[in-house]
PDB file of N, CA and C in Angstrom:
ATOM      1  N   MET A   1       8.731  -6.194 -25.294  1.00  0.00           N
ATOM      2  CA  MET A   1       8.364  -5.298 -24.226  1.00  0.00           C
ATOM      3  C   MET A   1       7.064  -4.600 -24.614  1.00  0.00           C
ATOM      4  N   THR A   2       6.093  -4.634 -23.733  1.00  0.00           N
ATOM      5  CA  THR A   2       4.807  -4.023 -23.984  1.00  0.00           C
ATOM      6  C   THR A   2       4.868  -2.534 -23.651  1.00  0.00           C
ATOM      7  N   ALA A   3       4.399  -1.678 -24.550  1.00  0.00           N
ATOM      8  CA  ALA A   3       4.378  -0.237 -24.284  1.00  0.00           C
ATOM      9  C   ALA A   3       3.076   0.117 -23.574  1.00  0.00           C
ATOM     10  N   ILE A   4       3.196   0.828 -22.489  1.00  0.00           N
ATOM     11  CA  ILE A   4       2.044   1.257 -21.706  1.00  0.00           C
ATOM     12  C   ILE A   4       2.118   2.767 -21.595  1.00  0.00           C
ATOM     13  N   LYS A   5       0.981   3.404 -21.673  1.00  0.00           N
ATOM     14  CA  LYS A   5       0.935   4.844 -21.547  1.00  0.00           C
ATOM     15  C   LYS A   5       1.020   5.198 -20.090  1.00  0.00           C
ATOM     16  N   PRO A   6       1.714   6.160 -19.621  1.00  0.00           N
ATOM     17  CA  PRO A   6       2.554   7.042 -20.399  1.00  0.00           C
ATOM     18  C   PRO A   6       3.991   6.561 -20.438  1.00  0.00           C
ATOM     19  N   ARG A   7       4.411   6.179 -21.557  1.00  0.00           N
ATOM     20  CA  ARG A   7       5.815   5.983 -21.873  1.00  0.00           C
ATOM     21  C   ARG A   7       6.608   5.130 -20.883  1.00  0.00           C
ATOM     22  N   ILE A   8       6.079   3.969 -20.571  1.00  0.00           N
ATOM     23  CA  ILE A   8       6.858   2.984 -19.820  1.00  0.00           C
ATOM     24  C   ILE A   8       6.809   1.681 -20.609  1.00  0.00           C
ATOM     25  N   GLY A   9       7.782   0.854 -20.377  1.00  0.00           N
ATOM     26  CA  GLY A   9       7.789  -0.477 -20.954  1.00  0.00           C
ATOM     27  C   GLY A   9       7.826  -1.484 -19.823  1.00  0.00           C
ATOM     28  N   VAL A  10       7.191  -2.619 -20.024  1.00  0.00           N
ATOM     29  CA  VAL A  10       7.162  -3.664 -19.001  1.00  0.00           C
ATOM     30  C   VAL A  10       7.689  -4.947 -19.620  1.00  0.00           C
ATOM     31  N   LYS A  11       8.624  -5.569 -18.928  1.00  0.00           N
ATOM     32  CA  LYS A  11       9.109  -6.888 -19.340  1.00  0.00           C
ATOM     33  C   LYS A  11       9.357  -7.700 -18.078  1.00  0.00           C
ATOM     34  N   TYR A  12       9.663  -8.958 -18.267  1.00  0.00           N
ATOM     35  CA  TYR A  12       9.851  -9.862 -17.132  1.00  0.00           C
ATOM     36  C   TYR A  12      11.222 -10.510 -17.228  1.00  0.00           C
ATOM     37  N   VAL A  13      11.943 -10.479 -16.110  1.00  0.00           N
ATOM     38  CA  VAL A  13      13.262 -11.094 -16.016  1.00  0.00           C
ATOM     39  C   VAL A  13      13.210 -12.020 -14.811  1.00  0.00           C
ATOM     40  N   GLY A  14      13.193 -13.312 -15.064  1.00  0.00           N
ATOM     41  CA  GLY A  14      13.033 -14.267 -13.977  1.00  0.00           C
ATOM     42  C   GLY A  14      11.682 -14.035 -13.312  1.00  0.00           C
ATOM     43  N   ASN A  15      11.691 -13.888 -11.996  1.00  0.00           N
ATOM     44  CA  ASN A  15      10.455 -13.620 -11.254  1.00  0.00           C
ATOM     45  C   ASN A  15      10.185 -12.131 -11.091  1.00  0.00           C
ATOM     46  N   ALA A  16      11.002 -11.298 -11.688  1.00  0.00           N
ATOM     47  CA  ALA A  16      10.870  -9.844 -11.506  1.00  0.00           C
ATOM     48  C   ALA A  16      10.111  -9.200 -12.662  1.00  0.00           C
ATOM     49  N   THR A  17       9.345  -8.185 -12.310  1.00  0.00           N
ATOM     50  CA  THR A  17       8.700  -7.326 -13.298  1.00  0.00           C
ATOM     51  C   THR A  17       9.590  -6.093 -13.446  1.00  0.00           C
ATOM     52  N   VAL A  18      10.018  -5.814 -14.669  1.00  0.00           N
ATOM     53  CA  VAL A  18      10.904  -4.679 -14.925  1.00  0.00           C
ATOM     54  C   VAL A  18      10.112  -3.597 -15.648  1.00  0.00           C
ATOM     55  N   VAL A  19      10.031  -2.423 -15.022  1.00  0.00           N
ATOM     56  CA  VAL A  19       9.380  -1.276 -15.647  1.00  0.00           C
ATOM     57  C   VAL A  19      10.477  -0.309 -16.063  1.00  0.00           C
ATOM     58  N   SER A  20      10.530  -0.026 -17.360  1.00  0.00           N
ATOM     59  CA  SER A  20      11.524   0.902 -17.901  1.00  0.00           C
ATOM     60  C   SER A  20      10.836   2.212 -18.250  1.00  0.00           C
ATOM     61  N   PHE A  21      11.417   3.290 -17.778  1.00  0.00           N
ATOM     62  CA  PHE A  21      10.914   4.613 -18.149  1.00  0.00           C
ATOM     63  C   PHE A  21      11.520   4.955 -19.499  1.00  0.00           C
ATOM     64  N   THR A  22      10.695   5.289 -20.461  1.00  0.00           N
ATOM     65  CA  THR A  22      11.195   5.529 -21.804  1.00  0.00           C
ATOM     66  C   THR A  22      11.475   7.003 -22.076  1.00  0.00           C
ATOM     67  N   ASP A  23      10.984   7.893 -21.223  1.00  0.00           N
ATOM     68  CA  ASP A  23      11.215   9.327 -21.419  1.00  0.00           C
ATOM     69  C   ASP A  23      12.550   9.756 -20.837  1.00  0.00           C
ATOM     70  N   GLU A  24      13.177  10.700 -21.497  1.00  0.00           N
ATOM     71  CA  GLU A  24      14.416  11.275 -20.991  1.00  0.00           C
ATOM     72  C   GLU A  24      14.135  12.262 -19.859  1.00  0.00           C
ATOM     73  N   LYS A  25      12.975  12.919 -19.927  1.00  0.00           N
ATOM     74  CA  LYS A  25      12.603  13.920 -18.916  1.00  0.00           C
ATOM     75  C   LYS A  25      11.266  13.535 -18.293  1.00  0.00           C
ATOM     76  N   ILE A  26      11.228  13.508 -16.960  1.00  0.00           N
ATOM     77  CA  ILE A  26       9.974  13.302 -16.231  1.00  0.00           C
ATOM     78  C   ILE A  26       9.820  14.522 -15.323  1.00  0.00           C
ATOM     79  N   LEU A  27       9.117  15.528 -15.852  1.00  0.00           N
ATOM     80  CA  LEU A  27       9.087  16.822 -15.178  1.00  0.00           C
ATOM     81  C   LEU A  27       7.677  17.344 -14.904  1.00  0.00           C
ATOM     82  N   GLU A  28       6.757  17.103 -15.811  1.00  0.00           N
ATOM     83  CA  GLU A  28       5.430  17.704 -15.736  1.00  0.00           C
ATOM     84  C   GLU A  28       4.519  16.943 -14.773  1.00  0.00           C
ATOM     85  N   GLU A  29       3.725  17.688 -14.003  1.00  0.00           N
ATOM     86  CA  GLU A  29       2.814  17.086 -13.027  1.00  0.00           C
ATOM     87  C   GLU A  29       1.840  16.114 -13.693  1.00  0.00           C
ATOM     88  N   LYS A  30       1.328  16.481 -14.855  1.00  0.00           N
ATOM     89  CA  LYS A  30       0.394  15.615 -15.582  1.00  0.00           C
ATOM     90  C   LYS A  30       1.064  14.274 -15.905  1.00  0.00           C
ATOM     91  N   ASP A  31       2.297  14.325 -16.381  1.00  0.00           N
ATOM     92  CA  ASP A  31       3.021  13.097 -16.715  1.00  0.00           C
ATOM     93  C   ASP A  31       3.285  12.255 -15.473  1.00  0.00           C
ATOM     94  N   ILE A  32       3.609  12.913 -14.373  1.00  0.00           N
ATOM     95  CA  ILE A  32       3.895  12.189 -13.131  1.00  0.00           C
ATOM     96  C   ILE A  32       2.626  11.501 -12.618  1.00  0.00           C
ATOM     97  N   ASN A  33       1.479  12.200 -12.708  1.00  0.00           N
ATOM     98  CA  ASN A  33       0.210  11.588 -12.288  1.00  0.00           C
ATOM     99  C   ASN A  33      -0.125  10.378 -13.154  1.00  0.00           C
ATOM    100  N   GLU A  34       0.082  10.499 -14.475  1.00  0.00           N
ATOM    101  CA  GLU A  34      -0.170   9.370 -15.369  1.00  0.00           C
ATOM    102  C   GLU A  34       0.808   8.228 -15.098  1.00  0.00           C
ATOM    103  N   LEU A  35       2.035   8.582 -14.793  1.00  0.00           N
ATOM    104  CA  LEU A  35       3.039   7.581 -14.466  1.00  0.00           C
ATOM    105  C   LEU A  35       2.635   6.823 -13.203  1.00  0.00           C
ATOM    106  N   GLN A  36       2.126   7.550 -12.214  1.00  0.00           N
ATOM    107  CA  GLN A  36       1.668   6.905 -10.984  1.00  0.00           C
ATOM    108  C   GLN A  36       0.546   5.916 -11.289  1.00  0.00           C
ATOM    109  N   GLU A  37      -0.413   6.336 -12.117  1.00  0.00           N
ATOM    110  CA  GLU A  37      -1.502   5.428 -12.486  1.00  0.00           C
ATOM    111  C   GLU A  37      -0.959   4.160 -13.139  1.00  0.00           C
ATOM    112  N   SER A  38      -0.028   4.329 -14.050  1.00  0.00           N
ATOM    113  CA  SER A  38       0.544   3.175 -14.750  1.00  0.00           C
ATOM    114  C   SER A  38       1.296   2.261 -13.800  1.00  0.00           C
ATOM    115  N   LEU A  39       2.116   2.844 -12.925  1.00  0.00           N
ATOM    116  CA  LEU A  39       2.889   2.026 -11.985  1.00  0.00           C
ATOM    117  C   LEU A  39       1.973   1.289 -11.011  1.00  0.00           C
ATOM    118  N   MET A  40       0.980   1.988 -10.491  1.00  0.00           N
ATOM    119  CA  MET A  40       0.061   1.345  -9.544  1.00  0.00           C
ATOM    120  C   MET A  40      -0.725   0.233 -10.239  1.00  0.00           C
ATOM    121  N   SER A  41      -1.046   0.429 -11.505  1.00  0.00           N
ATOM    122  CA  SER A  41      -1.741  -0.603 -12.271  1.00  0.00           C
ATOM    123  C   SER A  41      -0.873  -1.851 -12.407  1.00  0.00           C
ATOM    124  N   VAL A  42       0.402  -1.664 -12.690  1.00  0.00           N
ATOM    125  CA  VAL A  42       1.333  -2.799 -12.789  1.00  0.00           C
ATOM    126  C   VAL A  42       1.408  -3.520 -11.444  1.00  0.00           C
ATOM    127  N   ILE A  43       1.502  -2.768 -10.359  1.00  0.00           N
ATOM    128  CA  ILE A  43       1.607  -3.362  -9.020  1.00  0.00           C
ATOM    129  C   ILE A  43       0.335  -4.129  -8.670  1.00  0.00           C
ATOM    130  N   GLU A  44      -0.816  -3.488  -8.907  1.00  0.00           N
ATOM    131  CA  GLU A  44      -2.099  -4.109  -8.550  1.00  0.00           C
ATOM    132  C   GLU A  44      -2.409  -5.338  -9.403  1.00  0.00           C
ATOM    133  N   SER A  45      -1.933  -5.371 -10.638  1.00  0.00           N
ATOM    134  CA  SER A  45      -2.258  -6.496 -11.517  1.00  0.00           C
ATOM    135  C   SER A  45      -1.344  -7.702 -11.300  1.00  0.00           C
ATOM    136  N   ALA A  46      -0.333  -7.546 -10.478  1.00  0.00           N
ATOM    137  CA  ALA A  46       0.589  -8.657 -10.225  1.00  0.00           C
ATOM    138  C   ALA A  46      -0.100  -9.709  -9.359  1.00  0.00           C
ATOM    139  N   PRO A  47       0.023 -10.967  -9.755  1.00  0.00           N
ATOM    140  CA  PRO A  47      -0.542 -12.032  -8.916  1.00  0.00           C
ATOM    141  C   PRO A  47       0.351 -12.242  -7.687  1.00  0.00           C
ATOM    142  N   GLY A  48      -0.192 -12.054  -6.524  1.00  0.00           N
ATOM    143  CA  GLY A  48       0.593 -12.228  -5.297  1.00  0.00           C
ATOM    144  C   GLY A  48       1.570 -11.091  -5.064  1.00  0.00           C
ATOM    145  N   LYS A  49       2.681 -11.421  -4.446  1.00  0.00           N
ATOM    146  CA  LYS A  49       3.705 -10.423  -4.129  1.00  0.00           C
ATOM    147  C   LYS A  49       4.470 -10.052  -5.391  1.00  0.00           C
ATOM    148  N   ILE A  50       4.742  -8.769  -5.559  1.00  0.00           N
ATOM    149  CA  ILE A  50       5.468  -8.326  -6.745  1.00  0.00           C
ATOM    150  C   ILE A  50       6.936  -8.071  -6.403  1.00  0.00           C
ATOM    151  N   SER A  51       7.795  -8.440  -7.304  1.00  0.00           N
ATOM    152  CA  SER A  51       9.207  -8.069  -7.259  1.00  0.00           C
ATOM    153  C   SER A  51       9.404  -7.112  -8.431  1.00  0.00           C
ATOM    154  N   LEU A  52       9.529  -5.824  -8.120  1.00  0.00           N
ATOM    155  CA  LEU A  52       9.537  -4.795  -9.151  1.00  0.00           C
ATOM    156  C   LEU A  52      10.904  -4.144  -9.256  1.00  0.00           C
ATOM    157  N   ILE A  53      11.367  -4.010 -10.499  1.00  0.00           N
ATOM    158  CA  ILE A  53      12.607  -3.285 -10.785  1.00  0.00           C
ATOM    159  C   ILE A  53      12.219  -2.077 -11.636  1.00  0.00           C
ATOM    160  N   LEU A  54      12.599  -0.896 -11.185  1.00  0.00           N
ATOM    161  CA  LEU A  54      12.372   0.321 -11.955  1.00  0.00           C
ATOM    162  C   LEU A  54      13.684   0.696 -12.632  1.00  0.00           C
ATOM    163  N   ASP A  55      13.661   0.691 -13.964  1.00  0.00           N
ATOM    164  CA  ASP A  55      14.851   0.939 -14.768  1.00  0.00           C
ATOM    165  C   ASP A  55      14.839   2.388 -15.263  1.00  0.00           C
ATOM    166  N   PHE A  56      15.796   3.179 -14.778  1.00  0.00           N
ATOM    167  CA  PHE A  56      15.911   4.602 -15.117  1.00  0.00           C
ATOM    168  C   PHE A  56      16.914   4.848 -16.242  1.00  0.00           C
ATOM    169  N   GLY A  57      17.259   3.814 -17.005  1.00  0.00           N
ATOM    170  CA  GLY A  57      18.299   3.926 -18.014  1.00  0.00           C
ATOM    171  C   GLY A  57      18.139   5.060 -19.008  1.00  0.00           C
ATOM    172  N   ASN A  58      16.919   5.418 -19.358  1.00  0.00           N
ATOM    173  CA  ASN A  58      16.680   6.489 -20.333  1.00  0.00           C
ATOM    174  C   ASN A  58      16.518   7.860 -19.691  1.00  0.00           C
ATOM    175  N   VAL A  59      16.346   7.915 -18.375  1.00  0.00           N
ATOM    176  CA  VAL A  59      15.984   9.165 -17.697  1.00  0.00           C
ATOM    177  C   VAL A  59      17.220  10.015 -17.418  1.00  0.00           C
ATOM    178  N   ARG A  60      17.190  11.249 -17.865  1.00  0.00           N
ATOM    179  CA  ARG A  60      18.279  12.198 -17.627  1.00  0.00           C
ATOM    180  C   ARG A  60      17.866  13.326 -16.688  1.00  0.00           C
ATOM    181  N   PHE A  61      16.571  13.622 -16.652  1.00  0.00           N
ATOM    182  CA  PHE A  61      16.059  14.707 -15.808  1.00  0.00           C
ATOM    183  C   PHE A  61      14.763  14.248 -15.154  1.00  0.00           C
ATOM    184  N   LEU A  62      14.608  14.572 -13.874  1.00  0.00           N
ATOM    185  CA  LEU A  62      13.332  14.324 -13.214  1.00  0.00           C
ATOM    186  C   LEU A  62      13.084  15.399 -12.172  1.00  0.00           C
ATOM    187  N   SER A  63      11.812  15.637 -11.893  1.00  0.00           N
ATOM    188  CA  SER A  63      11.451  16.644 -10.898  1.00  0.00           C
ATOM    189  C   SER A  63      11.417  15.995  -9.515  1.00  0.00           C
ATOM    190  N   SER A  64      11.409  16.826  -8.505  1.00  0.00           N
ATOM    191  CA  SER A  64      11.355  16.312  -7.134  1.00  0.00           C
ATOM    192  C   SER A  64      10.049  15.563  -6.884  1.00  0.00           C
ATOM    193  N   ALA A  65       9.012  15.867  -7.643  1.00  0.00           N
ATOM    194  CA  ALA A  65       7.739  15.160  -7.481  1.00  0.00           C
ATOM    195  C   ALA A  65       7.893  13.672  -7.803  1.00  0.00           C
ATOM    196  N   VAL A  66       8.836  13.326  -8.653  1.00  0.00           N
ATOM    197  CA  VAL A  66       9.079  11.914  -8.970  1.00  0.00           C
ATOM    198  C   VAL A  66       9.597  11.186  -7.727  1.00  0.00           C
ATOM    199  N   LEU A  67      10.381  11.877  -6.903  1.00  0.00           N
ATOM    200  CA  LEU A  67      10.881  11.252  -5.672  1.00  0.00           C
ATOM    201  C   LEU A  67       9.713  10.895  -4.759  1.00  0.00           C
ATOM    202  N   GLY A  68       8.726  11.795  -4.673  1.00  0.00           N
ATOM    203  CA  GLY A  68       7.524  11.502  -3.891  1.00  0.00           C
ATOM    204  C   GLY A  68       6.767  10.323  -4.467  1.00  0.00           C
ATOM    205  N   LEU A  69       6.691  10.258  -5.783  1.00  0.00           N
ATOM    206  CA  LEU A  69       6.040   9.132  -6.444  1.00  0.00           C
ATOM    207  C   LEU A  69       6.745   7.826  -6.096  1.00  0.00           C
ATOM    208  N   LEU A  70       8.059   7.829  -6.115  1.00  0.00           N
ATOM    209  CA  LEU A  70       8.813   6.613  -5.786  1.00  0.00           C
ATOM    210  C   LEU A  70       8.542   6.154  -4.362  1.00  0.00           C
ATOM    211  N   ILE A  71       8.402   7.091  -3.455  1.00  0.00           N
ATOM    212  CA  ILE A  71       8.100   6.735  -2.066  1.00  0.00           C
ATOM    213  C   ILE A  71       6.705   6.123  -1.970  1.00  0.00           C
ATOM    214  N   ARG A  72       5.724   6.678  -2.698  1.00  0.00           N
ATOM    215  CA  ARG A  72       4.372   6.106  -2.700  1.00  0.00           C
ATOM    216  C   ARG A  72       4.362   4.705  -3.307  1.00  0.00           C
ATOM    217  N   VAL A  73       5.102   4.527  -4.392  1.00  0.00           N
ATOM    218  CA  VAL A  73       5.199   3.208  -5.029  1.00  0.00           C
ATOM    219  C   VAL A  73       5.830   2.209  -4.055  1.00  0.00           C
ATOM    220  N   SER A  74       6.901   2.631  -3.413  1.00  0.00           N
ATOM    221  CA  SER A  74       7.587   1.783  -2.443  1.00  0.00           C
ATOM    222  C   SER A  74       6.640   1.361  -1.319  1.00  0.00           C
ATOM    223  N   LYS A  75       5.898   2.311  -0.803  1.00  0.00           N
ATOM    224  CA  LYS A  75       4.958   2.025   0.291  1.00  0.00           C
ATOM    225  C   LYS A  75       3.926   0.990  -0.145  1.00  0.00           C
ATOM    226  N   ARG A  76       3.369   1.163  -1.343  1.00  0.00           N
ATOM    227  CA  ARG A  76       2.358   0.226  -1.838  1.00  0.00           C
ATOM    228  C   ARG A  76       2.952  -1.178  -1.983  1.00  0.00           C
ATOM    229  N   ILE A  77       4.153  -1.267  -2.528  1.00  0.00           N
ATOM    230  CA  ILE A  77       4.790  -2.569  -2.725  1.00  0.00           C
ATOM    231  C   ILE A  77       5.051  -3.255  -1.391  1.00  0.00           C
ATOM    232  N   TYR A  78       5.587  -2.506  -0.429  1.00  0.00           N
ATOM    233  CA  TYR A  78       5.910  -3.117   0.865  1.00  0.00           C
ATOM    234  C   TYR A  78       4.659  -3.462   1.661  1.00  0.00           C
ATOM    235  N   GLU A  79       3.564  -2.743   1.450  1.00  0.00           N
ATOM    236  CA  GLU A  79       2.286  -3.106   2.083  1.00  0.00           C
ATOM    237  C   GLU A  79       1.820  -4.477   1.616  1.00  0.00           C
ATOM    238  N   GLN A  80       2.211  -4.854   0.401  1.00  0.00           N
ATOM    239  CA  GLN A  80       1.831  -6.143  -0.173  1.00  0.00           C
ATOM    240  C   GLN A  80       2.949  -7.187  -0.029  1.00  0.00           C
ATOM    241  N   ASP A  81       3.913  -6.897   0.850  1.00  0.00           N
ATOM    242  CA  ASP A  81       5.053  -7.786   1.079  1.00  0.00           C
ATOM    243  C   ASP A  81       5.879  -8.030  -0.183  1.00  0.00           C
ATOM    244  N   GLY A  82       5.874  -7.058  -1.085  1.00  0.00           N
ATOM    245  CA  GLY A  82       6.657  -7.169  -2.305  1.00  0.00           C
ATOM    246  C   GLY A  82       8.054  -6.595  -2.113  1.00  0.00           C
ATOM    247  N   GLN A  83       8.793  -6.536  -3.217  1.00  0.00           N
ATOM    248  CA  GLN A  83      10.159  -6.022  -3.188  1.00  0.00           C
ATOM    249  C   GLN A  83      10.346  -5.028  -4.322  1.00  0.00           C
ATOM    250  N   LEU A  84      11.198  -4.038  -4.074  1.00  0.00           N
ATOM    251  CA  LEU A  84      11.456  -2.994  -5.058  1.00  0.00           C
ATOM    252  C   LEU A  84      12.951  -2.769  -5.184  1.00  0.00           C
ATOM    253  N   ARG A  85      13.415  -2.654  -6.427  1.00  0.00           N
ATOM    254  CA  ARG A  85      14.797  -2.300  -6.707  1.00  0.00           C
ATOM    255  C   ARG A  85      14.798  -1.222  -7.790  1.00  0.00           C
ATOM    256  N   LEU A  86      15.751  -0.305  -7.725  1.00  0.00           N
ATOM    257  CA  LEU A  86      15.943   0.716  -8.743  1.00  0.00           C
ATOM    258  C   LEU A  86      17.271   0.435  -9.435  1.00  0.00           C
ATOM    259  N   CYS A  87      17.368   0.791 -10.718  1.00  0.00           N
ATOM    260  CA  CYS A  87      18.640   0.563 -11.411  1.00  0.00           C
ATOM    261  C   CYS A  87      18.841   1.555 -12.545  1.00  0.00           C
ATOM    262  N   ASN A  88      20.081   1.559 -13.051  1.00  0.00           N
ATOM    263  CA  ASN A  88      20.479   2.404 -14.186  1.00  0.00           C
ATOM    264  C   ASN A  88      20.212   3.887 -13.946  1.00  0.00           C
ATOM    265  N   ILE A  89      20.479   4.337 -12.735  1.00  0.00           N
ATOM    266  CA  ILE A  89      20.224   5.743 -12.416  1.00  0.00           C
ATOM    267  C   ILE A  89      21.416   6.588 -12.851  1.00  0.00           C
ATOM    268  N   ASN A  90      21.133   7.599 -13.635  1.00  0.00           N
ATOM    269  CA  ASN A  90      22.114   8.572 -14.109  1.00  0.00           C
ATOM    270  C   ASN A  90      22.889   9.149 -12.924  1.00  0.00           C
ATOM    271  N   ARG A  91      24.168   9.413 -13.125  1.00  0.00           N
ATOM    272  CA  ARG A  91      25.049   9.898 -12.048  1.00  0.00           C
ATOM    273  C   ARG A  91      24.509  11.168 -11.377  1.00  0.00           C
ATOM    274  N   LYS A  92      24.018  12.116 -12.158  1.00  0.00           N
ATOM    275  CA  LYS A  92      23.498  13.362 -11.583  1.00  0.00           C
ATOM    276  C   LYS A  92      22.227  13.117 -10.778  1.00  0.00           C
ATOM    277  N   ILE A  93      21.375  12.244 -11.268  1.00  0.00           N
ATOM    278  CA  ILE A  93      20.157  11.907 -10.525  1.00  0.00           C
ATOM    279  C   ILE A  93      20.515  11.142  -9.257  1.00  0.00           C
ATOM    280  N   TYR A  94      21.518  10.272  -9.342  1.00  0.00           N
ATOM    281  CA  TYR A  94      21.968   9.538  -8.163  1.00  0.00           C
ATOM    282  C   TYR A  94      22.433  10.505  -7.075  1.00  0.00           C
ATOM    283  N   GLU A  95      23.075  11.596  -7.461  1.00  0.00           N
ATOM    284  CA  GLU A  95      23.507  12.603  -6.483  1.00  0.00           C
ATOM    285  C   GLU A  95      22.309  13.179  -5.730  1.00  0.00           C
ATOM    286  N   ILE A  96      21.189  13.371  -6.438  1.00  0.00           N
ATOM    287  CA  ILE A  96      19.970  13.863  -5.778  1.00  0.00           C
ATOM    288  C   ILE A  96      19.480  12.828  -4.772  1.00  0.00           C
ATOM    289  N   PHE A  97      19.542  11.562  -5.146  1.00  0.00           N
ATOM    290  CA  PHE A  97      19.161  10.502  -4.214  1.00  0.00           C
ATOM    291  C   PHE A  97      20.054  10.535  -2.972  1.00  0.00           C
ATOM    292  N   LYS A  98      21.358  10.765  -3.168  1.00  0.00           N
ATOM    293  CA  LYS A  98      22.276  10.835  -2.027  1.00  0.00           C
ATOM    294  C   LYS A  98      21.963  12.030  -1.130  1.00  0.00           C
ATOM    295  N   ILE A  99      21.780  13.205  -1.736  1.00  0.00           N
ATOM    296  CA  ILE A  99      21.508  14.421  -0.966  1.00  0.00           C
ATOM    297  C   ILE A  99      20.231  14.280  -0.141  1.00  0.00           C
ATOM    298  N   THR A 100      19.209  13.650  -0.731  1.00  0.00           N
ATOM    299  CA  THR A 100      17.931  13.483  -0.031  1.00  0.00           C
ATOM    300  C   THR A 100      17.902  12.223   0.834  1.00  0.00           C
ATOM    301  N   ARG A 101      19.026  11.527   0.891  1.00  0.00           N
ATOM    302  CA  ARG A 101      19.180  10.296   1.675  1.00  0.00           C
ATOM    303  C   ARG A 101      18.282   9.144   1.189  1.00  0.00           C
ATOM    304  N   LEU A 102      17.809   9.236  -0.037  1.00  0.00           N
ATOM    305  CA  LEU A 102      16.998   8.152  -0.578  1.00  0.00           C
ATOM    306  C   LEU A 102      17.833   6.933  -0.936  1.00  0.00           C
ATOM    307  N   THR A 103      19.161   7.084  -0.946  1.00  0.00           N
ATOM    308  CA  THR A 103      20.021   5.915  -1.153  1.00  0.00           C
ATOM    309  C   THR A 103      19.910   4.961   0.039  1.00  0.00           C
ATOM    310  N   LYS A 104      19.451   5.472   1.180  1.00  0.00           N
ATOM    311  CA  LYS A 104      19.241   4.621   2.352  1.00  0.00           C
ATOM    312  C   LYS A 104      17.847   3.990   2.331  1.00  0.00           C
ATOM    313  N   THR A 105      16.939   4.575   1.561  1.00  0.00           N
ATOM    314  CA  THR A 105      15.563   4.090   1.473  1.00  0.00           C
ATOM    315  C   THR A 105      15.403   3.039   0.384  1.00  0.00           C
ATOM    316  N   PHE A 106      16.089   3.239  -0.742  1.00  0.00           N
ATOM    317  CA  PHE A 106      15.939   2.365  -1.898  1.00  0.00           C
ATOM    318  C   PHE A 106      17.185   1.527  -2.125  1.00  0.00           C
ATOM    319  N   ASP A 107      16.967   0.306  -2.604  1.00  0.00           N
ATOM    320  CA  ASP A 107      18.066  -0.554  -3.049  1.00  0.00           C
ATOM    321  C   ASP A 107      18.336  -0.199  -4.504  1.00  0.00           C
ATOM    322  N   ILE A 108      19.533   0.342  -4.769  1.00  0.00           N
ATOM    323  CA  ILE A 108      19.872   0.845  -6.097  1.00  0.00           C
ATOM    324  C   ILE A 108      21.007   0.010  -6.689  1.00  0.00           C
ATOM    325  N   TYR A 109      20.818  -0.424  -7.942  1.00  0.00           N
ATOM    326  CA  TYR A 109      21.785  -1.276  -8.625  1.00  0.00           C
ATOM    327  C   TYR A 109      22.225  -0.627  -9.925  1.00  0.00           C
ATOM    328  N   THR A 110      23.361  -1.088 -10.439  1.00  0.00           N
ATOM    329  CA  THR A 110      23.903  -0.498 -11.663  1.00  0.00           C
ATOM    330  C   THR A 110      23.112  -0.898 -12.903  1.00  0.00           C
ATOM    331  N   ASP A 111      22.512  -2.108 -12.897  1.00  0.00           N
ATOM    332  CA  ASP A 111      21.784  -2.555 -14.073  1.00  0.00           C
ATOM    333  C   ASP A 111      20.666  -3.521 -13.694  1.00  0.00           C
ATOM    334  N   VAL A 112      19.828  -3.832 -14.668  1.00  0.00           N
ATOM    335  CA  VAL A 112      18.684  -4.719 -14.444  1.00  0.00           C
ATOM    336  C   VAL A 112      19.150  -6.092 -13.983  1.00  0.00           C
ATOM    337  N   GLU A 113      20.208  -6.596 -14.582  1.00  0.00           N
ATOM    338  CA  GLU A 113      20.683  -7.948 -14.270  1.00  0.00           C
ATOM    339  C   GLU A 113      21.082  -8.086 -12.800  1.00  0.00           C
ATOM    340  N   SER A 114      21.829  -7.116 -12.269  1.00  0.00           N
ATOM    341  CA  SER A 114      22.247  -7.213 -10.866  1.00  0.00           C
ATOM    342  C   SER A 114      21.059  -7.033  -9.927  1.00  0.00           C
ATOM    343  N   ALA A 115      20.107  -6.195 -10.297  1.00  0.00           N
ATOM    344  CA  ALA A 115      18.911  -6.031  -9.477  1.00  0.00           C
ATOM    345  C   ALA A 115      18.085  -7.313  -9.473  1.00  0.00           C
ATOM    346  N   ALA A 116      17.937  -7.945 -10.638  1.00  0.00           N
ATOM    347  CA  ALA A 116      17.192  -9.198 -10.743  1.00  0.00           C
ATOM    348  C   ALA A 116      17.879 -10.326  -9.979  1.00  0.00           C
ATOM    349  N   GLU A 117      19.202 -10.355 -10.058  1.00  0.00           N
ATOM    350  CA  GLU A 117      19.955 -11.384  -9.325  1.00  0.00           C
ATOM    351  C   GLU A 117      19.730 -11.234  -7.816  1.00  0.00           C
ATOM    352  N   ASP A 118      19.764  -9.989  -7.325  1.00  0.00           N
ATOM    353  CA  ASP A 118      19.527  -9.755  -5.906  1.00  0.00           C
ATOM    354  C   ASP A 118      18.105 -10.201  -5.509  1.00  0.00           C
ATOM    355  N   LEU A 119      17.133  -9.907  -6.342  1.00  0.00           N
ATOM    356  CA  LEU A 119      15.759 -10.324  -6.041  1.00  0.00           C
ATOM    357  C   LEU A 119      15.628 -11.835  -6.026  1.00  0.00           C
ATOM    358  N   SER A 120      16.320 -12.514  -6.930  1.00  0.00           N
ATOM    359  CA  SER A 120      16.215 -13.986  -6.957  1.00  0.00           C
ATOM    360  C   SER A 120      16.843 -14.597  -5.713  1.00  0.00           C
ATOM    361  N   GLN A 121      17.877 -13.953  -5.181  1.00  0.00           N
ATOM    362  CA  GLN A 121      18.509 -14.446  -3.959  1.00  0.00           C
ATOM    363  C   GLN A 121      17.649 -14.145  -2.737  1.00  0.00           C
ATOM    364  N   ALA A 122      16.825 -13.081  -2.818  1.00  0.00           N
ATOM    365  CA  ALA A 122      15.984 -12.696  -1.690  1.00  0.00           C
ATOM    366  C   ALA A 122      14.754 -13.591  -1.557  1.00  0.00           C
ATOM    367  N   ASP A 123      14.367 -14.296  -2.649  1.00  0.00           N
ATOM    368  CA  ASP A 123      13.183 -15.152  -2.619  1.00  0.00           C
ATOM    369  C   ASP A 123      13.360 -16.345  -1.714  1.00  0.00           C
TER     370      ASP A 123
END
């Protein structure tokens, strides 16, 4: 897995690009802006349509600004006819997704494998 600043890892599972957040806390505006740059770079560097899985396995705390970032990432991916899946979301963070109705906006899976399997079936 290649380490990219700020604190994400990128690997490939089948036809999917998996971005893992390595920080336990994503709270600071500076970090969120850097995270956006990194995510957009991964999206833009993909040849053709991207199938992206965002792995939240390490994340225990995030600010509401991260939710806005996810919506921007989603918009960029769908503008390019790509696909996005989220996985390994902590139970407390998942509750925030439910309260904000983002569970209806994002396809959320329990792990990378199930998200990748769904993407392979969608191709």
